[in-house]
Amino acid sequence: MAIVLVVDDEPDIRNLVRHLLSVAGHEVRLASDGAEALVSVGKERPDVMLLDVSMPVMDGFEVLERLRAHPETAEIPVVLVTTLPPSKGEYAGREMGVTHYLTKPWDSGTLETAVRVVLRETQPANQ
């Protein structure tokens, strides 16, 4: 179906999300921090990115800023996934061009629905 890049510094979360989205038919790539995510995007453009905010090396907001600064990555749909309250994380993310926002903890149905909605909203109608 789609290539989903999951960026989170927690191995258990990455593996859980990989399992859930793989079962749903997606190809899942993993990155443990923002710098690794940017390298991954440089190798293969994902159809959607699930991006944690609080990570070492480079946080999700910096990754988002770097993605949006370059024409070849500016349009990658990003779902911001964070423990930050919506009053902080969602507002900042929307200002930076986040496609959707999920607050941890999320349930599997919400996660899968967010990916499906983003793909529906961002894919050309003829695909």
Protein backbone atom coordinates (compact mmCIF):
# COMPACT_ATOMS: atom_id res chain seq x y z
CA MET A 1 0.00 0.00 0.00
CA ALA A 2 2.19 2.84 1.28
CA ILE A 3 5.65 3.45 2.65
CA VAL A 4 5.42 4.74 6.23
CA LEU A 5 8.46 6.08 8.07
CA VAL A 6 8.08 5.72 11.83
CA VAL A 7 10.39 8.02 13.81
CA ASP A 8 10.49 7.42 17.56
CA ASP A 9 13.32 7.00 20.06
CA GLU A 10 11.46 4.23 21.95
CA PRO A 11 12.22 0.80 20.41
CA ASP A 12 9.03 -0.75 21.81
CA ILE A 13 6.89 1.93 20.21
CA ARG A 14 8.70 1.63 16.86
CA ASN A 15 8.24 -2.14 16.85
CA LEU A 16 4.58 -1.95 17.86
CA VAL A 17 3.81 0.60 15.16
CA ARG A 18 5.74 -1.44 12.60
CA HIS A 19 3.66 -4.48 13.47
CA LEU A 20 0.31 -2.64 13.37
CA LEU A 21 1.00 -0.94 10.07
CA SER A 22 2.58 -4.01 8.47
CA VAL A 23 -0.54 -6.02 9.29
CA ALA A 24 -2.55 -3.23 7.63
CA GLY A 25 -0.49 -3.79 4.47
CA HIS A 26 2.01 -0.93 4.63
CA GLU A 27 5.76 -1.05 4.11
CA VAL A 28 7.27 0.35 7.30
CA ARG A 29 10.68 1.97 7.70
CA LEU A 30 12.05 2.85 11.14
CA ALA A 31 14.25 5.65 12.49
CA SER A 32 15.29 6.11 16.12
CA ASP A 33 15.91 9.87 15.99
CA GLY A 34 15.54 12.90 13.77
CA ALA A 35 18.95 12.67 12.14
CA GLU A 36 18.34 9.04 11.17
CA ALA A 37 14.93 10.04 9.80
CA LEU A 38 16.44 12.65 7.48
CA VAL A 39 18.95 10.10 6.18
CA SER A 40 16.11 7.65 5.54
CA VAL A 41 14.06 10.29 3.69
CA GLY A 42 17.11 11.04 1.55
CA LYS A 43 17.29 7.40 0.49
CA GLU A 44 13.57 6.76 -0.05
CA ARG A 45 10.73 9.25 0.16
CA PRO A 46 7.96 7.89 2.40
CA ASP A 47 4.29 8.35 1.58
CA VAL A 48 3.69 9.42 5.18
CA MET A 49 5.84 9.96 8.27
CA LEU A 50 4.84 9.33 11.89
CA LEU A 51 7.10 11.69 13.82
CA ASP A 52 7.68 11.79 17.57
CA VAL A 53 8.51 15.21 19.01
CA SER A 54 10.71 14.43 22.01
CA MET A 55 13.83 12.63 20.79
CA PRO A 56 17.57 12.89 21.32
CA VAL A 57 19.97 14.17 18.63
CA MET A 58 17.25 16.11 16.77
CA ASP A 59 13.67 16.58 17.93
CA GLY A 60 10.60 16.24 15.75
CA PHE A 61 10.10 19.99 15.33
CA GLU A 62 13.61 20.37 13.91
CA VAL A 63 13.04 17.43 11.55
CA LEU A 64 9.82 19.02 10.40
CA GLU A 65 11.52 22.38 9.90
CA ARG A 66 14.24 20.76 7.77
CA LEU A 67 11.72 18.79 5.72
CA ARG A 68 9.63 21.87 4.99
CA ALA A 69 12.72 23.90 4.00
CA HIS A 70 13.49 21.75 0.93
CA PRO A 71 11.21 21.47 -2.12
CA GLU A 72 11.88 17.74 -2.54
CA THR A 73 10.68 16.95 1.01
CA ALA A 74 8.35 19.86 1.78
CA GLU A 75 5.21 17.97 0.82
CA ILE A 76 5.82 14.76 2.78
CA PRO A 77 2.72 14.26 4.94
CA VAL A 78 3.65 14.20 8.63
CA VAL A 79 1.61 12.92 11.55
CA LEU A 80 3.07 14.39 14.72
CA VAL A 81 2.91 11.86 17.57
CA THR A 82 3.71 13.21 21.02
CA THR A 83 3.01 13.34 24.73
CA LEU A 84 2.89 17.15 24.59
CA PRO A 85 -0.55 18.58 25.34
CA PRO A 86 -2.38 19.78 22.23
CA SER A 87 -2.13 23.38 23.41
CA LYS A 88 1.65 23.16 22.90
CA GLY A 89 2.40 20.41 20.42
CA GLU A 90 -0.57 20.59 18.07
CA TYR A 91 -0.48 24.35 17.67
CA ALA A 92 3.27 24.41 16.97
CA GLY A 93 2.98 21.45 14.62
CA ARG A 94 0.13 22.97 12.62
CA GLU A 95 2.09 26.20 12.25
CA MET A 96 4.94 24.14 10.78
CA GLY A 97 2.77 22.21 8.34
CA VAL A 98 1.91 19.00 10.17
CA THR A 99 -0.78 17.04 8.38
CA HIS A 100 -2.27 15.45 11.52
CA TYR A 101 -1.54 15.23 15.24
CA LEU A 102 -1.86 12.28 17.65
CA THR A 103 -1.36 12.40 21.40
CA LYS A 104 0.29 9.45 23.14
CA PRO A 105 -0.96 7.08 24.27
CA TRP A 106 -2.96 6.25 21.16
CA ASP A 107 -4.81 3.08 20.32
CA SER A 108 -4.12 0.95 17.26
CA GLY A 109 -7.36 1.94 15.54
CA THR A 110 -6.62 5.64 15.88
CA LEU A 111 -3.10 5.19 14.52
CA GLU A 112 -4.22 3.15 11.52
CA THR A 113 -7.06 5.60 10.83
CA ALA A 114 -4.68 8.57 10.92
CA VAL A 115 -2.42 6.92 8.34
CA ARG A 116 -5.38 5.98 6.13
CA VAL A 117 -6.83 9.52 6.31
CA VAL A 118 -3.48 11.15 5.50
CA LEU A 119 -3.00 8.86 2.52
CA ARG A 120 -6.51 9.54 1.25
CA GLU A 121 -6.03 13.30 1.62
CA THR A 122 -2.61 13.42 -0.03
CA GLN A 123 -2.76 10.83 -2.82
CA PRO A 124 -3.94 11.86 -6.29
CA ALA A 125 -7.52 10.78 -6.98
CA ASN A 126 -6.52 8.38 -9.76
CA GLN A 127 -4.29 6.16 -7.57
